Amino acid sequence: MTFPEQGPEQSGPLSVDELRELNAKVSEVFKSLAIDKRRLPTSQLGGRGIPAYVAEWVLEKVVPGHGELTTAEANKVMEWAARVIPGPSEQNIIKHKLAQGQTVKVLTPLQAEVQIKKGKEPERVAQLSLLGISDAYISDGLLDEYPDLLRQGMWGVVELGALQDGAAVLSFQPMQASVNLNLYKEARRKFTLHEWRAILLTTLGFDPSAFTEQQQTWLLARLLPLVQKNMHMMELAPKGTGKSFMYENISPKVRLISGGNISPAVLFVNNANGNWGLLARFKVVVLDEVQTSKFERPEEIVGGLKGYLANGKLTRGGLHETASDCGFVMLANITLDDNQNPVKSSLVEELPKFLRETAFLDRLKALIPGWELPKLSSRLLVGTDSALTVGLKSDFFGDALVALREDLEADAYAARAVRLGGEMPYRRNEAAVRDMAAGLMKIQFPHGEVTPEEFYTHCLKPAIRLRQGVWDELYGLDSEYRQYEATIRPA
């Protein structure tokens, strides 16, 4: 079976019949990189506390195949998980086995660091957070082979053994997806825009037929920090709209912080030992539930963030400095009225006071209007009744999005095409709109083939709306911004 190149665009979202027909096309074009998204919920792997990009890797490793999982396949997966994926209550059992001289294989995130202490030989230690082990021995060979272990860490199957003074990583089988960006772009040419948008949403676990075209755009806008360097934004919505759902399950290069204590050392750098924080080690850092999070030294945090969001430089007290292209995302709940509109005149009123400073808000490029999205429920997710169930494997998709950061074709297009109107457009508005329009082009037109009309409708127009949300807050909170026009518009 072969499929033609991209044909004429449809005028709107796909019908149920068109979505059903699309399943075969996705499987044919992407082959082993496609997966039936119904397989994951029936596997019960979500209950083992692993993200979707890991769980789908497990499914392909243990029970490769198509369609929904059979009972026999589901049982086989759970038996494998019981042996290899440790639960919180199994930490001591694993340590007991190690103490008896046994080797143990576990699926876990593995992160390493090199500790240099005065007068001592450098130590290479591995951290296995699911096992409560923070000082396992790891060889130079593994660190040379998998340098990401020293960055944000990697998921994989770790074989552990015991040394006289602790545990040792004997071998490591990483969860890896090879990304060929040219093949990804070539595959995009086989689909119309509306087919492609439906595939992306299905890949994220959503049923595309459950959302309007505008709502689909806001869901896809959540991907902007993955495809664009230093894309900083916030999403405000009521509880239960799934703001963190995508970030939890998209890529190991995305770090979601939900609750707990947030300190300058965690975000920027630990001045005591020189270890860089999350913004230096990940591609995207997401703060969830910021309206109730506990911030240690909030003035230092917002001061450091203002500098970082403006120029991509991380520093703390002048002791250490580095550059980073990590995106920063804030997620917060807001109160809505009976008509599902925000109650407060200022959308940021429910944020902690130090995060309402206009000099900080101005550095955020986008505000996703999450209140326009429905509350997350089973009818919005891919399920047995969904028409389109085949999407891309999450680990491959996440890596493809991050790889698009280095593809500057869309950035060059946006630099030529985006100009804002008015006598004196605000510089940060124009830069933010240009960056977001380029990002939306990478998401929807990764092959670079877009007409001026398509770019305006699907890239520039939503980018302006996303920046307008930030601009409205600045305009209402600080008279300094009222020297510019209230409405952002293209030239």
Protein backbone atom coordinates (compact mmCIF):
# COMPACT_ATOMS: atom_id res chain seq x y z
CA MET A 1 0.00 0.00 0.00
CA THR A 2 1.37 3.44 -0.95
CA PHE A 3 0.10 6.91 -0.19
CA PRO A 4 0.30 10.06 -2.31
CA GLU A 5 2.13 13.21 -1.41
CA GLN A 6 0.22 15.84 0.57
CA GLY A 7 -2.96 16.75 -1.29
CA PRO A 8 -5.36 19.69 -1.06
CA GLU A 9 -6.10 20.81 2.47
CA GLN A 10 -9.50 20.10 4.02
CA SER A 11 -11.52 23.08 5.20
CA GLY A 12 -11.82 21.78 8.74
CA PRO A 13 -11.12 18.91 11.16
CA LEU A 14 -11.46 15.35 9.92
CA SER A 15 -14.66 13.35 10.09
CA VAL A 16 -14.88 10.15 12.14
CA ASP A 17 -14.64 8.04 8.98
CA GLU A 18 -11.55 9.95 7.81
CA LEU A 19 -9.93 9.44 11.22
CA ARG A 20 -10.58 5.69 11.07
CA GLU A 21 -9.00 5.49 7.62
CA LEU A 22 -6.00 7.40 8.89
CA ASN A 23 -4.99 4.52 11.23
CA ALA A 24 -3.71 2.39 8.34
CA LYS A 25 -1.91 5.32 6.77
CA VAL A 26 -0.02 6.20 9.98
CA SER A 27 1.03 2.57 10.43
CA GLU A 28 2.20 2.30 6.81
CA VAL A 29 4.17 5.57 6.77
CA PHE A 30 5.81 5.29 10.22
CA LYS A 31 6.00 1.49 10.44
CA SER A 32 7.82 0.45 13.67
CA LEU A 33 7.70 4.03 14.98
CA ALA A 34 3.88 3.91 15.21
CA ILE A 35 1.92 2.34 18.06
CA ASP A 36 -1.73 1.80 18.91
CA LYS A 37 -2.29 4.15 21.82
CA ARG A 38 -4.94 1.84 23.29
CA ARG A 39 -2.23 -0.64 24.25
CA LEU A 40 -0.91 1.51 27.07
CA PRO A 41 -4.09 1.98 29.18
CA THR A 42 -4.90 -1.76 29.04
CA SER A 43 -1.36 -2.68 30.12
CA GLN A 44 -1.83 -1.21 33.63
CA LEU A 45 1.76 0.06 33.45
CA GLY A 46 0.56 3.51 34.51
CA GLY A 47 0.02 2.06 37.96
CA ARG A 48 3.75 1.26 38.18
CA GLY A 49 4.60 4.96 38.27
CA ILE A 50 6.44 5.18 34.95
CA PRO A 51 5.79 7.82 32.26
CA ALA A 52 4.19 6.97 28.91
CA TYR A 53 7.43 7.23 26.94
CA VAL A 54 8.90 4.49 29.15
CA ALA A 55 5.74 2.35 29.28
CA GLU A 56 5.45 2.24 25.47
CA TRP A 57 9.08 1.16 25.26
CA VAL A 58 8.27 -1.68 27.68
CA LEU A 59 5.31 -2.76 25.54
CA GLU A 60 7.44 -2.95 22.39
CA LYS A 61 10.15 -4.84 24.27
CA VAL A 62 7.89 -7.38 25.97
CA VAL A 63 4.80 -7.75 23.71
CA PRO A 64 5.45 -6.12 20.31
CA GLY A 65 2.38 -6.07 18.09
CA HIS A 66 -0.66 -4.14 16.88
CA GLY A 67 -4.14 -3.44 18.16
CA GLU A 68 -5.35 -3.57 21.75
CA LEU A 69 -3.54 -5.82 24.20
CA THR A 70 -4.96 -9.30 24.67
CA THR A 71 -5.44 -10.66 28.17
CA ALA A 72 -2.43 -12.93 27.68
CA GLU A 73 -0.27 -9.99 26.56
CA ALA A 74 -1.41 -7.84 29.50
CA ASN A 75 -0.53 -10.65 31.92
CA LYS A 76 2.90 -11.06 30.33
CA VAL A 77 3.58 -7.32 30.72
CA MET A 78 2.53 -7.33 34.37
CA GLU A 79 4.74 -10.36 35.10
CA TRP A 80 7.71 -8.57 33.49
CA ALA A 81 6.93 -5.38 35.38
CA ALA A 82 6.72 -7.25 38.69
CA ARG A 83 10.25 -8.57 38.13
CA VAL A 84 11.92 -5.47 36.70
CA ILE A 85 10.05 -2.32 37.83
CA PRO A 86 10.54 -1.86 41.58
CA GLY A 87 7.76 -0.48 43.74
CA PRO A 88 8.42 1.76 46.78
CA SER A 89 8.02 -1.20 49.12
CA GLU A 90 10.64 -3.27 47.28
CA GLN A 91 13.71 -1.10 47.90
CA ASN A 92 14.87 -3.12 50.89
CA ILE A 93 14.22 -6.43 49.14
CA ILE A 94 16.50 -5.38 46.27
CA LYS A 95 19.17 -4.17 48.68
CA HIS A 96 18.91 -7.48 50.56
CA LYS A 97 19.53 -9.40 47.33
CA LEU A 98 22.55 -7.24 46.58
CA ALA A 99 23.89 -7.85 50.10
CA GLN A 100 23.63 -11.61 49.45
CA GLY A 101 25.81 -11.24 46.35
CA GLN A 102 23.00 -11.51 43.80
CA THR A 103 22.75 -9.35 40.69
CA VAL A 104 19.49 -7.49 40.09
CA LYS A 105 17.95 -6.01 36.92
CA VAL A 106 15.63 -3.02 37.32
CA LEU A 107 13.99 -0.50 35.01
CA THR A 108 14.81 2.86 36.55
CA PRO A 109 16.04 6.35 35.79
CA LEU A 110 19.83 6.45 36.14
CA GLN A 111 21.80 9.63 36.71
CA ALA A 112 25.52 10.01 37.32
CA GLU A 113 27.88 12.69 38.55
CA VAL A 114 31.61 13.08 39.07
CA GLN A 115 32.55 14.20 42.55
CA ILE A 116 35.87 16.02 42.83
CA LYS A 117 37.18 16.55 46.34
CA LYS A 118 40.43 18.17 47.35
CA GLY A 119 43.18 15.68 47.97
CA LYS A 120 41.16 12.71 46.71
CA GLU A 121 40.74 10.84 43.45
CA PRO A 122 37.60 11.89 41.51
CA GLU A 123 34.63 9.62 42.22
CA ARG A 124 32.00 8.61 39.68
CA VAL A 125 28.71 7.86 41.38
CA ALA A 126 25.31 6.85 40.07
CA GLN A 127 21.93 7.69 41.54
CA LEU A 128 18.96 5.32 41.25
CA SER A 129 16.10 7.29 42.73
CA LEU A 130 13.51 4.48 42.57
CA LEU A 131 15.79 2.32 44.73
CA GLY A 132 16.92 4.99 47.16
CA ILE A 133 20.57 4.49 46.08
CA SER A 134 22.61 7.66 45.60
CA ASP A 135 26.23 6.47 45.51
CA ALA A 136 26.53 3.38 43.28
CA TYR A 137 29.80 2.87 41.39
CA ILE A 138 29.63 3.41 37.62
CA SER A 139 32.44 2.93 35.13
CA ASP A 140 34.04 5.50 32.83
CA GLY A 141 33.09 3.28 29.91
CA LEU A 142 29.36 3.64 30.53
CA LEU A 143 29.68 7.40 31.03
CA ASP A 144 31.64 7.74 27.78
CA GLU A 145 29.05 5.65 25.92
CA TYR A 146 26.03 7.46 27.39
CA PRO A 147 27.00 11.07 28.23
CA ASP A 148 23.35 11.95 28.91
CA LEU A 149 23.76 10.06 32.18
CA LEU A 150 25.83 13.06 33.31
CA ARG A 151 23.25 15.57 32.05
CA GLN A 152 19.60 14.92 32.84
CA GLY A 153 19.97 11.14 33.33
CA MET A 154 18.41 8.33 31.29
CA TRP A 155 15.77 5.64 31.71
CA GLY A 156 16.82 2.05 31.06
CA VAL A 157 17.33 -1.43 32.45
CA VAL A 158 20.17 -1.37 34.97
CA GLU A 159 22.01 -4.48 36.10
CA LEU A 160 23.23 -3.97 39.66
CA GLY A 161 25.77 -5.91 41.65
CA ALA A 162 27.36 -5.50 45.05
CA LEU A 163 30.81 -4.22 45.97
CA GLN A 164 32.39 -4.43 49.39
CA ASP A 165 31.35 -0.86 50.17
CA GLY A 166 28.15 -0.49 48.16
CA ALA A 167 26.37 -1.16 44.86
CA ALA A 168 27.78 -1.05 41.33
CA VAL A 169 26.19 -0.55 37.93
CA LEU A 170 27.36 -3.58 35.94
CA SER A 171 25.51 -2.89 32.69
CA PHE A 172 22.95 -0.49 31.28
CA GLN A 173 20.43 -0.98 28.46
CA PRO A 174 19.07 2.49 27.68
CA MET A 175 15.66 3.29 26.34
CA GLN A 176 16.71 4.85 23.06
CA ALA A 177 14.86 6.08 19.96
CA SER A 178 16.95 6.94 16.93
CA VAL A 179 15.69 10.11 15.29
CA ASN A 180 16.28 10.80 11.62
CA LEU A 181 14.85 14.28 11.15
CA ASN A 182 14.89 13.97 7.36
CA LEU A 183 12.70 10.86 7.56
CA TYR A 184 10.36 12.65 9.99
CA LYS A 185 10.02 15.55 7.54
CA GLU A 186 9.51 13.20 4.61
CA ALA A 187 6.76 11.41 6.52
CA ARG A 188 5.01 14.74 7.15
CA ARG A 189 4.71 15.22 3.38
CA LYS A 190 2.41 12.18 3.21
CA PHE A 191 -0.28 13.90 5.29
CA THR A 192 -2.51 16.93 5.05
CA LEU A 193 -2.31 19.50 7.84
CA HIS A 194 -5.52 18.29 9.50
CA GLU A 195 -4.32 14.69 9.33
CA TRP A 196 -1.01 15.72 10.87
CA ARG A 197 -2.64 17.68 13.71
CA ALA A 198 -4.84 14.66 14.47
CA ILE A 199 -1.78 12.37 14.54
CA LEU A 200 0.05 14.70 16.95
CA LEU A 201 -2.90 14.85 19.33
CA THR A 202 -3.36 11.08 19.23
CA THR A 203 0.36 10.68 19.94
CA LEU A 204 -0.13 12.84 23.04
CA GLY A 205 -2.97 10.56 24.14
CA PHE A 206 -5.89 12.83 23.18
CA ASP A 207 -8.87 11.97 20.99
CA PRO A 208 -8.71 14.70 18.31
CA SER A 209 -12.43 14.44 17.54
CA ALA A 210 -13.24 15.61 21.10
CA PHE A 211 -11.73 19.07 20.59
CA THR A 212 -12.54 22.08 18.45
CA GLU A 213 -9.88 23.34 16.06
CA GLN A 214 -9.04 26.21 18.44
CA GLN A 215 -8.73 23.84 21.38
CA GLN A 216 -6.46 21.59 19.32
CA THR A 217 -4.19 24.57 18.70
CA TRP A 218 -3.89 25.33 22.43
CA LEU A 219 -3.02 21.68 23.12
CA LEU A 220 -0.33 21.76 20.44
CA ALA A 221 1.00 25.06 21.82
CA ARG A 222 2.09 23.15 24.91
CA LEU A 223 4.80 21.61 22.69
CA LEU A 224 6.43 24.98 21.93
CA PRO A 225 9.15 24.72 24.64
CA LEU A 226 10.31 21.42 23.16
CA VAL A 227 10.84 22.71 19.61
CA GLN A 228 12.08 26.22 20.47
CA LYS A 229 15.07 27.10 22.62
CA ASN A 230 14.43 29.38 25.60
CA MET A 231 10.66 29.32 25.11
CA HIS A 232 9.23 30.56 28.41
CA MET A 233 5.48 30.60 29.02
CA MET A 234 2.65 29.92 31.44
CA GLU A 235 -0.72 28.23 31.29
CA LEU A 236 -3.59 29.27 33.54
CA ALA A 237 -6.63 27.03 33.87
CA PRO A 238 -9.01 25.58 36.45
CA LYS A 239 -8.21 22.30 38.16
CA GLY A 240 -8.55 19.12 36.14
CA THR A 241 -7.75 20.33 32.62
CA GLY A 242 -4.64 18.15 32.35
CA LYS A 243 -2.09 20.97 32.24
CA SER A 244 0.72 18.67 33.38
CA PHE A 245 -0.48 15.51 31.56
CA MET A 246 1.55 16.11 28.42
CA TYR A 247 4.74 17.27 30.16
CA GLU A 248 4.78 14.18 32.40
CA ASN A 249 4.70 11.80 29.46
CA ILE A 250 6.55 13.41 26.56
CA SER A 251 10.32 13.10 27.14
CA PRO A 252 12.99 12.41 29.76
CA LYS A 253 14.45 15.78 28.76
CA VAL A 254 11.41 17.49 30.34
CA ARG A 255 11.39 17.85 34.12
CA LEU A 256 8.10 18.47 35.91
CA ILE A 257 8.25 19.81 39.46
CA SER A 258 4.95 19.29 41.25
CA GLY A 259 4.91 20.44 44.85
CA GLY A 260 7.87 20.24 47.18
CA ASN A 261 10.38 22.92 48.04
CA ILE A 262 11.72 25.02 45.15
CA SER A 263 15.03 26.70 45.90
CA PRO A 264 17.67 28.68 43.99
CA ALA A 265 20.00 25.68 44.29
CA VAL A 266 17.42 23.41 42.67
CA LEU A 267 16.75 25.78 39.76
CA PHE A 268 20.09 27.51 39.17
CA VAL A 269 23.23 26.16 40.86
CA ASN A 270 24.25 24.79 44.23
CA ASN A 271 26.98 27.18 45.35
CA ALA A 272 28.16 24.71 48.01
CA ASN A 273 29.26 22.04 45.53
CA GLY A 274 29.01 23.77 42.13
CA ASN A 275 26.39 21.34 40.81
CA TRP A 276 24.17 22.96 38.19
CA GLY A 277 20.41 22.99 38.76
CA LEU A 278 17.53 21.82 36.63
CA LEU A 279 17.56 24.77 34.22
CA ALA A 280 21.09 23.82 33.15
CA ARG A 281 20.45 20.08 32.74
CA PHE A 282 17.05 19.76 31.05
CA LYS A 283 15.48 21.05 27.84
CA VAL A 284 12.25 22.08 29.57
CA VAL A 285 11.52 22.68 33.26
CA VAL A 286 7.86 22.88 34.30
CA LEU A 287 6.64 24.22 37.64
CA ASP A 288 3.21 22.77 38.35
CA GLU A 289 0.70 24.20 40.83
CA VAL A 290 2.80 27.35 41.30
CA GLN A 291 0.01 29.06 43.21
CA THR A 292 0.53 26.62 46.11
CA SER A 293 4.23 25.74 45.70
CA LYS A 294 6.74 26.52 48.44
CA PHE A 295 9.51 28.82 47.27
CA GLU A 296 12.71 29.16 49.28
CA ARG A 297 14.12 32.71 49.00
CA PRO A 298 11.48 33.93 46.50
CA GLU A 299 13.23 37.25 45.84
CA GLU A 300 16.41 35.44 44.81
CA ILE A 301 14.43 33.05 42.62
CA VAL A 302 12.56 35.75 40.72
CA GLY A 303 15.74 37.81 40.38
CA GLY A 304 17.61 34.86 38.92
CA LEU A 305 14.69 33.97 36.65
CA LYS A 306 14.45 37.51 35.28
CA GLY A 307 18.08 37.40 34.24
CA TYR A 308 17.81 33.88 32.81
CA LEU A 309 14.57 34.46 30.90
CA ALA A 310 16.03 37.60 29.35
CA ASN A 311 19.43 36.33 28.19
CA GLY A 312 19.69 32.57 28.78
CA LYS A 313 22.47 33.00 31.35
CA LEU A 314 22.41 31.10 34.63
CA THR A 315 24.25 32.48 37.59
CA ARG A 316 23.87 32.81 41.34
CA GLY A 317 25.72 35.38 43.34
CA GLY A 318 28.35 35.66 40.62
CA LEU A 319 30.08 32.46 41.75
CA HIS A 320 29.14 30.37 38.72
CA GLU A 321 27.85 31.22 35.26
CA THR A 322 26.73 29.20 32.26
CA ALA A 323 24.37 29.48 29.29
CA SER A 324 21.30 27.29 28.81
CA ASP A 325 18.55 26.93 26.21
CA CYS A 326 16.09 25.31 28.64
CA GLY A 327 12.46 26.40 28.36
CA PHE A 328 10.68 27.49 31.54
CA VAL A 329 6.94 26.79 31.97
CA MET A 330 4.62 27.73 34.84
CA LEU A 331 1.28 25.99 35.35
CA ALA A 332 -1.29 27.42 37.75
CA ASN A 333 -4.93 27.03 38.65
CA ILE A 334 -7.34 29.95 38.42
CA THR A 335 -10.95 30.35 39.49
CA LEU A 336 -13.72 30.46 36.85
CA ASP A 337 -17.31 31.67 37.03
CA ASP A 338 -20.39 29.69 35.98
CA ASN A 339 -19.73 30.57 32.34
CA GLN A 340 -16.18 29.17 32.56
CA ASN A 341 -14.58 32.60 32.35
CA PRO A 342 -11.86 33.81 34.77
CA VAL A 343 -13.34 35.46 37.88
CA LYS A 344 -10.45 37.82 38.57
CA SER A 345 -9.92 40.93 36.46
CA SER A 346 -6.20 40.11 36.46
CA LEU A 347 -5.46 36.53 35.44
CA VAL A 348 -2.27 36.42 37.53
CA GLU A 349 -3.93 37.64 40.71
CA GLU A 350 -3.89 34.15 42.25
CA LEU A 351 -0.14 33.66 41.65
CA PRO A 352 2.35 34.30 44.47
CA LYS A 353 3.00 38.03 44.73
CA PHE A 354 6.66 37.83 43.65
CA LEU A 355 5.62 36.12 40.38
CA ARG A 356 3.24 38.98 39.54
CA GLU A 357 6.04 41.48 39.02
CA THR A 358 5.63 42.92 35.52
CA ALA A 359 9.36 42.84 34.79
CA PHE A 360 9.16 39.07 35.30
CA LEU A 361 5.88 38.52 33.42
CA ASP A 362 7.19 40.49 30.45
CA ARG A 363 9.90 37.88 29.95
CA LEU A 364 7.30 35.12 29.51
CA LYS A 365 6.51 34.85 25.82
CA ALA A 366 3.08 33.22 25.98
CA LEU A 367 0.00 32.69 28.10
CA ILE A 368 -2.00 29.61 27.07
CA PRO A 369 -5.71 30.20 27.85
CA GLY A 370 -6.25 26.83 29.48
CA TRP A 371 -9.71 27.86 30.68
CA GLU A 372 -10.84 27.42 27.05
CA LEU A 373 -10.02 23.70 27.25
CA PRO A 374 -12.46 21.13 28.69
CA LYS A 375 -11.70 19.31 31.92
CA LEU A 376 -9.73 16.13 31.32
CA SER A 377 -11.88 13.00 31.25
CA SER A 378 -11.83 9.56 29.64
CA ARG A 379 -13.93 10.81 26.70
CA LEU A 380 -11.10 13.20 25.73
CA LEU A 381 -8.42 10.49 25.71
CA VAL A 382 -7.70 7.76 23.19
CA GLY A 383 -9.89 4.79 24.08
CA THR A 384 -11.84 1.86 22.67
CA ASP A 385 -14.41 4.20 21.09
CA SER A 386 -11.85 6.50 19.44
CA ALA A 387 -11.73 6.64 15.66
CA LEU A 388 -7.99 7.38 15.42
CA THR A 389 -5.94 5.20 17.76
CA VAL A 390 -2.53 4.91 16.04
CA GLY A 391 0.06 7.57 16.85
CA LEU A 392 3.81 7.89 17.13
CA LYS A 393 5.77 6.23 19.90
CA SER A 394 6.25 8.77 22.65
CA ASP A 395 10.02 8.37 23.03
CA PHE A 396 10.56 8.86 19.28
CA PHE A 397 8.14 11.79 19.14
CA GLY A 398 9.73 13.59 22.09
CA ASP A 399 13.20 13.21 20.62
CA ALA A 400 11.98 14.43 17.20
CA LEU A 401 10.53 17.57 18.76
CA VAL A 402 13.76 18.33 20.63
CA ALA A 403 15.78 17.70 17.45
CA LEU A 404 13.70 20.39 15.69
CA ARG A 405 15.30 22.96 18.02
CA GLU A 406 18.42 22.75 15.86
CA ASP A 407 16.51 23.08 12.57
CA LEU A 408 16.50 26.80 11.85
CA GLU A 409 14.51 26.77 8.62
CA ALA A 410 11.28 27.80 10.35
CA ASP A 411 13.10 30.47 12.38
CA ALA A 412 14.46 31.99 9.16
CA TYR A 413 10.99 31.91 7.58
CA ALA A 414 9.43 33.63 10.61
CA ALA A 415 12.21 36.24 10.68
CA ARG A 416 11.25 37.22 7.13
CA ALA A 417 7.49 36.94 7.52
CA VAL A 418 6.67 38.35 10.98
CA ARG A 419 6.34 42.11 11.45
CA LEU A 420 3.98 43.75 13.91
CA GLY A 421 1.92 46.82 13.09
CA GLY A 422 1.69 50.13 14.89
CA GLU A 423 3.86 53.21 15.01
CA MET A 424 6.22 51.72 17.60
CA PRO A 425 5.79 47.94 18.13
CA TYR A 426 7.08 46.73 21.49
CA ARG A 427 10.32 44.83 20.88
CA ARG A 428 9.60 41.91 23.21
CA ASN A 429 6.15 41.42 21.68
CA GLU A 430 7.62 41.12 18.20
CA ALA A 431 10.39 38.75 19.33
CA ALA A 432 7.94 36.54 21.24
CA VAL A 433 5.45 36.36 18.36
CA ARG A 434 8.22 35.56 15.90
CA ASP A 435 9.60 32.75 18.10
CA MET A 436 6.17 31.23 18.68
CA ALA A 437 5.16 31.43 15.02
CA ALA A 438 8.39 29.62 14.13
CA GLY A 439 7.69 27.01 16.80
CA LEU A 440 4.14 26.41 15.59
CA MET A 441 5.55 26.01 12.08
CA LYS A 442 8.00 23.37 13.33
CA ILE A 443 5.18 21.50 15.06
CA GLN A 444 2.71 21.59 12.18
CA PHE A 445 4.97 22.02 9.11
CA PRO A 446 8.29 20.40 10.10
CA HIS A 447 9.06 19.82 6.40
CA GLY A 448 9.08 23.61 5.85
CA GLU A 449 6.41 23.57 3.17
CA VAL A 450 3.84 26.20 4.12
CA THR A 451 1.90 28.78 2.14
CA PRO A 452 1.66 32.40 3.38
CA GLU A 453 -2.03 31.79 4.12
CA GLU A 454 -1.29 28.64 6.14
CA PHE A 455 1.50 30.39 8.05
CA TYR A 456 -0.80 33.29 8.95
CA THR A 457 -3.75 31.09 9.99
CA HIS A 458 -1.99 28.30 11.84
CA CYS A 459 1.24 29.94 13.06
CA LEU A 460 1.17 33.74 13.21
CA LYS A 461 -2.44 34.28 14.31
CA PRO A 462 -2.30 31.89 17.31
CA ALA A 463 1.17 33.22 18.23
CA ILE A 464 -0.27 36.74 18.46
CA ARG A 465 -3.14 35.47 20.63
CA LEU A 466 -0.70 33.69 22.96
CA ARG A 467 1.40 36.83 23.40
CA GLN A 468 -1.69 39.04 23.69
CA GLY A 469 -2.57 37.20 26.92
CA VAL A 470 0.72 38.29 28.48
CA TRP A 471 0.42 41.80 27.02
CA ASP A 472 -3.08 42.27 28.47
CA GLU A 473 -1.73 41.54 31.95
CA LEU A 474 1.20 43.94 31.53
CA TYR A 475 -1.09 46.61 30.11
CA GLY A 476 -3.48 46.34 33.05
CA LEU A 477 -0.86 46.14 35.80
CA ASP A 478 1.70 48.77 34.76
CA SER A 479 1.11 52.15 33.10
CA GLU A 480 4.62 52.00 31.62
CA TYR A 481 3.31 49.65 28.92
CA ARG A 482 0.43 51.92 27.92
CA GLN A 483 2.68 54.04 25.74
CA TYR A 484 2.28 51.21 23.22
CA GLU A 485 -0.86 50.00 21.47
CA ALA A 486 -3.13 47.74 23.50
CA THR A 487 -3.71 45.27 20.68
CA ILE A 488 -0.94 43.27 19.03
CA ARG A 489 -1.51 43.01 15.29
CA PRO A 490 0.51 42.05 12.23
CA ALA A 491 1.87 44.75 9.95
